[in-house]
Amino acid sequence: MKSVMTFKSGKFYFSEIFDSPKINDLLIRAIVLNETIVDLPILPKMSSQLEPEIMYSSISGTAAIEGNPITEEDVKRIAEGQDIEEYTKKDKQEIINLIKAYSLLSDIDSTENPYMLTEELICELHKIITDQVPDEHNIPGQYRNGIVYVGNKAHGGIYTPPKILEDIKNLMKEFISWINSDEIININPFIRAPIAHYHFCTIHPFWDGNGRTARLLEAIILQAANIKYMPKELSNFYYRNVDDYYIAFSKTIKLKKDITPFVDYFLNAAVSSLNKIKESIVYFIRIFTLRDYYTYQNQHRHITKRQFDLVSLLLDYPANFTFNIKDLSSTRPFSFLYNRVSTQTARRDLAKLSNMRLIVLDDKGKYYLNLRVLG
């Protein structure tokens, strides 16, 4: 732990002290889940599909925490160059900036672990995040000089970060020295990332964009430690559990030297995010394997070409998609296969696929694809 005396805000603590028995189980689960994900066979096509989905969702989540209303789908449209008129210029500019900032994560070298943070990196990230975003006081990439208030009574109270530029400059210098010190640099990245996130936010060095910058710093530390996908996914958990996010900050600030509440919150976020990512990857692998399995069944004439085309089409639909025999002849793209086929033939196809357990009939008379036919 390190204490720094400021000119106007009293003593400031940089602490790595937490309740190990309380968080060790979560830490182990996070480590094991990450190792599982790293070991899963992910084809380039899977990764190229998964990465953008997580990024667009994360950008929407991290912006929404700060009040930006742009949805994940519209983030994707903005990334593709579309101009969506129903949003303000400020909201759209924030998303454009975050797309640029998050793209930097892909350039992080995972062999550069532990990753050394610098004030230059922090100021550059902030400059990107707040570029051309109108604000009465904020200057992109420059520390503030004045009073701000963080939080509210509903989330544990209002916090007043250091007030003057001299204190902020000194605390940022001390923060960088401490977070890169031998004492901290060798801490597990699942601990070092949230303590960097937390202490940066308590300094709150900029007029605007501190939360978004902090979440990116956290993501950079994790990305450099070869923790895949999760660094971008975390913001979604923070947004879905935003009340607990702010409460964890407030509880930790009140403890001063004990950072257990925020580390505990982060590790819950990590475990939840890693589980979600693991499920997504397993789903992609399952879909890829099923395509190969259907091809085998067709090549060995266990199913017809039309039956093969039907189950292959179903792979492109959500896992919870259901259909009935009428849909085969009346709904595209299935109608391309069945509009010239008799109802009796369609029934035979469905019976054959059901007997092979490739599809399942539910109690409402609807069919769905059996994604677990191979176990």
Protein backbone atom coordinates (compact mmCIF):
# COMPACT_ATOMS: atom_id res chain seq x y z
CA MET A 1 0.00 0.00 0.00
CA LYS A 2 1.10 3.55 -0.73
CA SER A 3 -0.12 6.81 0.79
CA VAL A 4 0.30 10.24 -0.80
CA MET A 5 -0.38 13.56 0.90
CA THR A 6 -2.13 16.05 -1.37
CA PHE A 7 -2.20 19.84 -1.04
CA LYS A 8 -5.98 20.27 -0.87
CA SER A 9 -7.57 16.82 -0.42
CA GLY A 10 -5.70 15.24 2.46
CA LYS A 11 -4.11 11.81 2.38
CA PHE A 12 -4.74 9.60 -0.67
CA TYR A 13 -4.24 5.82 -0.58
CA PHE A 14 -3.20 3.40 -3.31
CA SER A 15 -4.05 0.01 -1.89
CA GLU A 16 -3.96 -3.62 -3.01
CA ILE A 17 -5.34 -4.89 0.32
CA PHE A 18 -8.39 -7.12 0.07
CA ASP A 19 -10.08 -9.98 1.91
CA SER A 20 -8.43 -13.01 0.27
CA PRO A 21 -10.77 -15.68 1.75
CA LYS A 22 -13.75 -13.75 0.39
CA ILE A 23 -12.51 -13.40 -3.19
CA ASN A 24 -10.23 -16.45 -3.67
CA ASP A 25 -13.02 -18.73 -4.89
CA LEU A 26 -14.10 -16.18 -7.49
CA LEU A 27 -10.49 -15.59 -8.53
CA ILE A 28 -9.86 -19.31 -9.07
CA ARG A 29 -13.09 -19.64 -11.07
CA ALA A 30 -12.07 -16.73 -13.29
CA ILE A 31 -8.59 -18.18 -13.87
CA VAL A 32 -9.95 -21.66 -14.71
CA LEU A 33 -12.65 -20.28 -17.02
CA ASN A 34 -10.10 -18.21 -18.90
CA GLU A 35 -7.78 -21.21 -19.30
CA THR A 36 -10.73 -23.20 -20.63
CA ILE A 37 -11.54 -20.52 -23.19
CA VAL A 38 -7.90 -20.18 -24.28
CA ASP A 39 -7.77 -23.96 -24.84
CA LEU A 40 -10.99 -24.13 -26.89
CA PRO A 41 -10.38 -24.56 -30.64
CA ILE A 42 -11.60 -21.34 -32.24
CA LEU A 43 -11.48 -21.13 -36.03
CA PRO A 44 -10.67 -17.72 -37.56
CA LYS A 45 -14.23 -17.52 -38.92
CA MET A 46 -15.65 -18.03 -35.42
CA SER A 47 -13.34 -15.43 -33.93
CA SER A 48 -14.10 -12.89 -36.66
CA GLN A 49 -17.80 -13.30 -35.94
CA LEU A 50 -17.51 -13.27 -32.14
CA GLU A 51 -15.10 -10.32 -31.77
CA PRO A 52 -17.26 -7.65 -33.49
CA GLU A 53 -20.42 -8.81 -31.70
CA ILE A 54 -18.75 -8.43 -28.32
CA MET A 55 -17.18 -5.09 -29.28
CA TYR A 56 -20.44 -3.50 -30.48
CA SER A 57 -22.24 -4.73 -27.39
CA SER A 58 -19.46 -3.49 -25.10
CA ILE A 59 -19.34 -0.06 -26.74
CA SER A 60 -23.09 0.28 -26.29
CA GLY A 61 -22.77 -0.85 -22.66
CA THR A 62 -19.88 1.40 -21.63
CA ALA A 63 -21.55 4.41 -23.30
CA ALA A 64 -24.93 3.61 -21.73
CA ILE A 65 -23.40 3.76 -18.24
CA GLU A 66 -22.72 7.44 -18.98
CA GLY A 67 -26.24 8.00 -20.35
CA ASN A 68 -25.74 7.39 -24.09
CA PRO A 69 -28.91 5.78 -25.57
CA ILE A 70 -27.45 4.24 -28.73
CA THR A 71 -28.23 0.51 -28.98
CA GLU A 72 -25.86 -2.31 -29.85
CA GLU A 73 -27.46 -2.71 -33.28
CA ASP A 74 -27.09 1.00 -34.01
CA VAL A 75 -23.46 0.93 -32.83
CA LYS A 76 -22.89 -1.66 -35.55
CA ARG A 77 -24.62 0.57 -38.11
CA ILE A 78 -22.49 3.56 -37.10
CA ALA A 79 -19.36 1.37 -37.38
CA GLU A 80 -20.46 0.54 -40.93
CA GLY A 81 -20.60 4.25 -41.75
CA GLN A 82 -24.33 4.90 -41.47
CA ASP A 83 -25.66 8.18 -40.09
CA ILE A 84 -28.64 7.61 -37.80
CA GLU A 85 -30.67 10.78 -37.56
CA GLU A 86 -32.68 10.01 -34.41
CA TYR A 87 -29.61 10.39 -32.16
CA THR A 88 -27.88 13.65 -31.21
CA LYS A 89 -24.56 14.60 -32.75
CA LYS A 90 -22.94 14.29 -29.30
CA ASP A 91 -24.23 10.74 -28.76
CA LYS A 92 -23.06 9.62 -32.20
CA GLN A 93 -19.64 11.23 -31.75
CA GLU A 94 -19.16 9.38 -28.45
CA ILE A 95 -19.82 6.08 -30.22
CA ILE A 96 -17.50 6.92 -33.14
CA ASN A 97 -14.78 7.73 -30.61
CA LEU A 98 -15.32 4.50 -28.66
CA ILE A 99 -15.17 2.42 -31.84
CA LYS A 100 -11.76 3.95 -32.53
CA ALA A 101 -10.61 3.46 -28.93
CA TYR A 102 -11.77 -0.16 -28.68
CA SER A 103 -10.09 -1.02 -31.97
CA LEU A 104 -6.78 -0.28 -30.20
CA LEU A 105 -7.36 -3.34 -28.02
CA SER A 106 -6.77 -5.59 -31.02
CA ASP A 107 -3.26 -4.13 -31.33
CA ILE A 108 -2.29 -4.98 -27.75
CA ASP A 109 0.54 -7.50 -27.74
CA SER A 110 -0.35 -10.36 -25.38
CA THR A 111 3.36 -11.20 -25.06
CA GLU A 112 3.84 -7.81 -23.38
CA ASN A 113 2.64 -9.01 -20.00
CA PRO A 114 2.68 -7.48 -17.48
CA TYR A 115 1.61 -4.38 -19.37
CA MET A 116 3.13 -1.07 -18.27
CA LEU A 117 0.65 1.79 -18.10
CA THR A 118 1.81 5.32 -18.90
CA GLU A 119 0.32 8.78 -18.53
CA GLU A 120 0.85 9.25 -22.26
CA LEU A 121 -1.35 6.23 -23.00
CA ILE A 122 -4.04 7.44 -20.59
CA CYS A 123 -4.11 10.94 -22.06
CA GLU A 124 -4.17 9.54 -25.61
CA LEU A 125 -7.11 7.26 -24.76
CA HIS A 126 -8.96 10.15 -23.19
CA LYS A 127 -8.24 12.33 -26.22
CA ILE A 128 -9.73 9.68 -28.52
CA ILE A 129 -12.75 9.08 -26.28
CA THR A 130 -13.73 12.75 -25.89
CA ASP A 131 -12.62 14.13 -29.26
CA GLN A 132 -15.21 16.56 -30.69
CA VAL A 133 -17.63 15.77 -27.84
CA PRO A 134 -18.92 19.14 -26.59
CA ASP A 135 -18.34 19.84 -22.91
CA GLU A 136 -18.18 23.11 -21.00
CA HIS A 137 -14.86 22.32 -19.31
CA ASN A 138 -13.32 19.17 -20.79
CA ILE A 139 -10.23 19.41 -23.00
CA PRO A 140 -9.38 16.03 -24.58
CA GLY A 141 -6.20 14.57 -23.12
CA GLN A 142 -5.73 17.28 -20.48
CA TYR A 143 -6.21 17.01 -16.72
CA ARG A 144 -8.85 19.15 -15.04
CA ASN A 145 -8.34 21.97 -12.56
CA GLY A 146 -11.49 22.33 -10.48
CA ILE A 147 -14.10 20.58 -8.35
CA VAL A 148 -16.25 17.71 -9.61
CA TYR A 149 -18.72 15.55 -7.72
CA VAL A 150 -19.09 11.84 -8.43
CA GLY A 151 -22.00 9.55 -7.54
CA ASN A 152 -25.25 10.25 -5.71
CA LYS A 153 -27.02 9.41 -2.45
CA ALA A 154 -28.94 6.53 -4.03
CA HIS A 155 -25.66 4.70 -4.76
CA GLY A 156 -23.84 5.22 -1.48
CA GLY A 157 -23.15 8.92 -1.42
CA ILE A 158 -21.34 11.68 -3.29
CA TYR A 159 -17.56 11.55 -3.63
CA THR A 160 -15.38 14.62 -4.21
CA PRO A 161 -12.12 13.67 -5.98
CA PRO A 162 -8.94 15.78 -5.69
CA LYS A 163 -9.74 19.35 -6.67
CA ILE A 164 -6.66 21.10 -8.05
CA LEU A 165 -4.38 20.44 -10.99
CA GLU A 166 -1.23 20.16 -8.86
CA ASP A 167 -2.77 17.34 -6.81
CA ILE A 168 -4.07 15.55 -9.90
CA LYS A 169 -0.70 15.71 -11.66
CA ASN A 170 1.08 14.40 -8.59
CA LEU A 171 -1.46 11.62 -7.98
CA MET A 172 -1.34 10.47 -11.60
CA LYS A 173 2.46 10.33 -11.43
CA GLU A 174 2.27 8.34 -8.18
CA PHE A 175 -0.49 6.10 -9.61
CA ILE A 176 1.62 5.16 -12.64
CA SER A 177 4.66 4.50 -10.44
CA TRP A 178 2.61 2.32 -8.08
CA ILE A 179 0.59 0.33 -10.67
CA ASN A 180 3.85 -0.51 -12.50
CA SER A 181 5.85 -1.27 -9.33
CA ASP A 182 7.28 -4.72 -8.63
CA GLU A 183 4.77 -5.05 -5.80
CA ILE A 184 1.77 -4.64 -8.14
CA ILE A 185 3.09 -5.68 -11.54
CA ASN A 186 3.26 -9.36 -10.57
CA ILE A 187 -0.23 -9.52 -9.07
CA ASN A 188 -2.64 -11.70 -11.05
CA PRO A 189 -4.13 -9.57 -13.88
CA PHE A 190 -7.62 -10.40 -12.55
CA ILE A 191 -6.60 -8.31 -9.52
CA ARG A 192 -4.30 -5.72 -11.09
CA ALA A 193 -6.93 -4.70 -13.70
CA PRO A 194 -9.70 -3.77 -11.24
CA ILE A 195 -7.35 -1.97 -8.85
CA ALA A 196 -6.12 0.13 -11.79
CA HIS A 197 -9.76 0.79 -12.75
CA TYR A 198 -10.74 1.74 -9.21
CA HIS A 199 -7.79 4.00 -8.31
CA PHE A 200 -7.90 5.83 -11.63
CA CYS A 201 -11.58 6.61 -11.02
CA THR A 202 -10.88 7.88 -7.50
CA ILE A 203 -8.36 10.35 -8.92
CA HIS A 204 -10.90 11.23 -11.63
CA PRO A 205 -8.28 13.28 -13.49
CA PHE A 206 -10.44 14.58 -16.37
CA TRP A 207 -13.58 16.68 -16.49
CA ASP A 208 -15.39 14.06 -18.60
CA GLY A 209 -14.80 10.54 -19.89
CA ASN A 210 -13.15 9.12 -16.75
CA GLY A 211 -15.34 6.01 -16.55
CA ARG A 212 -14.87 5.10 -20.20
CA THR A 213 -11.12 5.65 -19.91
CA ALA A 214 -10.93 3.54 -16.73
CA ARG A 215 -12.80 0.64 -18.33
CA LEU A 216 -10.44 0.74 -21.31
CA LEU A 217 -7.36 0.76 -19.07
CA GLU A 218 -8.77 -2.28 -17.29
CA ALA A 219 -9.41 -3.97 -20.65
CA ILE A 220 -5.86 -3.26 -21.85
CA ILE A 221 -4.31 -4.93 -18.79
CA LEU A 222 -6.51 -7.99 -19.28
CA GLN A 223 -5.97 -8.15 -23.05
CA ALA A 224 -2.21 -8.00 -22.59
CA ALA A 225 -2.46 -10.97 -20.21
CA ASN A 226 -3.99 -13.11 -23.02
CA ILE A 227 -7.45 -13.02 -21.45
CA LYS A 228 -9.55 -13.42 -24.56
CA TYR A 229 -12.81 -11.62 -25.39
CA MET A 230 -13.70 -10.91 -21.74
CA PRO A 231 -11.97 -7.47 -21.60
CA LYS A 232 -14.58 -6.17 -24.03
CA GLU A 233 -17.47 -8.12 -22.54
CA LEU A 234 -17.08 -6.65 -19.04
CA SER A 235 -18.78 -3.34 -19.86
CA ASN A 236 -21.99 -5.24 -20.64
CA PHE A 237 -22.01 -6.69 -17.13
CA TYR A 238 -21.29 -3.25 -15.66
CA TYR A 239 -24.21 -1.76 -17.56
CA ARG A 240 -26.63 -4.56 -16.64
CA ASN A 241 -25.57 -4.21 -13.00
CA VAL A 242 -24.86 -0.49 -12.98
CA ASP A 243 -26.35 0.15 -9.52
CA ASP A 244 -24.02 -2.43 -7.98
CA TYR A 245 -21.14 -0.93 -9.98
CA TYR A 246 -21.57 2.46 -8.32
CA ILE A 247 -22.30 0.95 -4.91
CA ALA A 248 -19.06 -1.08 -5.09
CA PHE A 249 -17.17 2.16 -5.72
CA SER A 250 -18.86 3.93 -2.81
CA LYS A 251 -18.26 1.08 -0.36
CA THR A 252 -14.59 0.87 -1.31
CA ILE A 253 -14.06 4.64 -1.07
CA LYS A 254 -15.47 4.61 2.47
CA LEU A 255 -13.08 1.81 3.50
CA LYS A 256 -10.10 3.82 2.11
CA LYS A 257 -7.46 1.08 2.51
CA ASP A 258 -9.54 -2.04 1.77
CA ILE A 259 -10.53 -2.56 -1.88
CA THR A 260 -12.50 -5.80 -1.32
CA PRO A 261 -15.93 -4.50 -2.46
CA PHE A 262 -14.73 -3.37 -5.88
CA VAL A 263 -12.50 -6.41 -6.49
CA ASP A 264 -15.37 -8.68 -5.45
CA TYR A 265 -17.72 -6.90 -7.87
CA PHE A 266 -15.15 -7.11 -10.67
CA LEU A 267 -14.55 -10.84 -10.16
CA ASN A 268 -18.29 -11.52 -10.24
CA ALA A 269 -18.36 -9.58 -13.51
CA ALA A 270 -15.37 -11.57 -14.81
CA VAL A 271 -16.88 -14.97 -13.98
CA SER A 272 -20.23 -14.01 -15.50
CA SER A 273 -18.59 -12.62 -18.65
CA LEU A 274 -16.25 -15.61 -19.07
CA ASN A 275 -19.16 -18.03 -18.70
CA LYS A 276 -21.11 -16.13 -21.35
CA ILE A 277 -18.11 -16.16 -23.70
CA LYS A 278 -17.48 -19.86 -23.11
CA GLU A 279 -21.12 -20.63 -23.96
CA SER A 280 -20.85 -18.56 -27.16
CA ILE A 281 -17.68 -20.33 -28.26
CA VAL A 282 -19.09 -23.77 -27.47
CA TYR A 283 -22.19 -22.83 -29.46
CA PHE A 284 -20.04 -21.85 -32.48
CA ILE A 285 -18.09 -25.11 -32.21
CA ARG A 286 -21.33 -27.07 -31.94
CA ILE A 287 -22.74 -25.39 -35.07
CA PHE A 288 -19.53 -26.07 -37.02
CA THR A 289 -19.52 -29.73 -35.92
CA LEU A 290 -23.18 -30.19 -36.83
CA ARG A 291 -22.58 -28.87 -40.36
CA ASP A 292 -19.89 -31.49 -40.77
CA TYR A 293 -22.17 -34.17 -39.28
CA TYR A 294 -25.04 -33.29 -41.64
CA THR A 295 -22.66 -33.47 -44.60
CA TYR A 296 -21.57 -36.95 -43.50
CA GLN A 297 -25.20 -38.10 -43.16
CA ASN A 298 -26.03 -36.77 -46.62
CA GLN A 299 -22.93 -38.22 -48.30
CA HIS A 300 -23.77 -41.64 -46.87
CA ARG A 301 -27.41 -41.25 -47.97
CA HIS A 302 -28.81 -41.37 -44.46
CA ILE A 303 -30.66 -38.15 -45.28
CA THR A 304 -31.74 -36.70 -48.63
CA LYS A 305 -30.41 -33.50 -50.16
CA ARG A 306 -33.64 -31.69 -49.22
CA GLN A 307 -33.46 -32.92 -45.62
CA PHE A 308 -29.80 -31.86 -45.50
CA ASP A 309 -30.71 -28.40 -46.83
CA LEU A 310 -33.46 -28.03 -44.21
CA VAL A 311 -31.30 -28.77 -41.16
CA SER A 312 -28.46 -26.69 -42.63
CA LEU A 313 -30.84 -23.73 -42.98
CA LEU A 314 -31.97 -24.18 -39.37
CA LEU A 315 -28.37 -23.77 -38.18
CA ASP A 316 -28.54 -20.14 -39.28
CA TYR A 317 -31.48 -19.43 -36.98
CA PRO A 318 -31.39 -18.65 -33.23
CA ALA A 319 -31.19 -21.68 -30.94
CA ASN A 320 -34.78 -21.14 -29.73
CA PHE A 321 -36.31 -20.99 -33.24
CA THR A 322 -39.35 -23.23 -33.76
CA PHE A 323 -41.47 -24.06 -36.82
CA ASN A 324 -44.37 -26.26 -37.91
CA ILE A 325 -45.12 -28.13 -41.09
CA LYS A 326 -47.12 -25.20 -42.50
CA ASP A 327 -44.06 -22.94 -42.22
CA LEU A 328 -42.13 -25.19 -44.60
CA SER A 329 -44.32 -24.27 -47.56
CA SER A 330 -45.33 -20.72 -46.58
CA THR A 331 -42.18 -19.15 -45.07
CA ARG A 332 -38.95 -18.26 -46.83
CA PRO A 333 -36.34 -19.63 -47.19
CA PHE A 334 -37.98 -22.98 -46.33
CA SER A 335 -40.59 -22.49 -49.06
CA PHE A 336 -37.83 -22.71 -51.68
CA LEU A 337 -37.40 -26.32 -50.57
CA TYR A 338 -41.04 -27.26 -49.94
CA ASN A 339 -43.41 -25.15 -52.07
CA ARG A 340 -43.53 -27.89 -54.74
CA VAL A 341 -43.54 -30.77 -52.30
CA SER A 342 -46.69 -32.45 -50.98
CA THR A 343 -47.63 -32.17 -47.32
CA GLN A 344 -47.21 -35.93 -47.02
CA THR A 345 -43.61 -35.70 -48.28
CA ALA A 346 -42.89 -32.87 -45.86
CA ARG A 347 -44.27 -34.97 -43.01
CA ARG A 348 -42.02 -37.86 -44.04
CA ASP A 349 -38.99 -35.54 -43.98
CA LEU A 350 -39.85 -34.30 -40.50
CA ALA A 351 -40.50 -37.84 -39.27
CA LYS A 352 -37.17 -39.02 -40.65
CA LEU A 353 -35.25 -36.14 -39.10
CA SER A 354 -37.09 -36.66 -35.80
CA ASN A 355 -36.28 -40.37 -35.75
CA MET A 356 -32.62 -39.49 -36.25
CA ARG A 357 -32.94 -36.96 -33.43
CA LEU A 358 -31.75 -34.16 -35.71
CA ILE A 359 -34.93 -32.23 -34.87
CA VAL A 360 -37.31 -32.45 -31.90
CA LEU A 361 -41.10 -32.04 -31.68
CA ASP A 362 -42.19 -30.08 -28.60
CA ASP A 363 -45.47 -30.38 -26.70
CA LYS A 364 -46.96 -27.45 -28.67
CA GLY A 365 -46.58 -29.18 -32.01
CA LYS A 366 -43.54 -27.16 -33.02
CA TYR A 367 -40.21 -28.51 -34.22
CA TYR A 368 -36.78 -27.22 -33.27
CA LEU A 369 -33.23 -28.17 -34.18
CA ASN A 370 -31.54 -30.57 -31.76
CA LEU A 371 -28.21 -28.88 -31.13
CA ARG A 372 -27.22 -31.65 -28.73
CA VAL A 373 -27.73 -34.64 -31.03
CA LEU A 374 -24.01 -35.39 -30.69
CA GLY A 375 -24.11 -35.07 -26.91
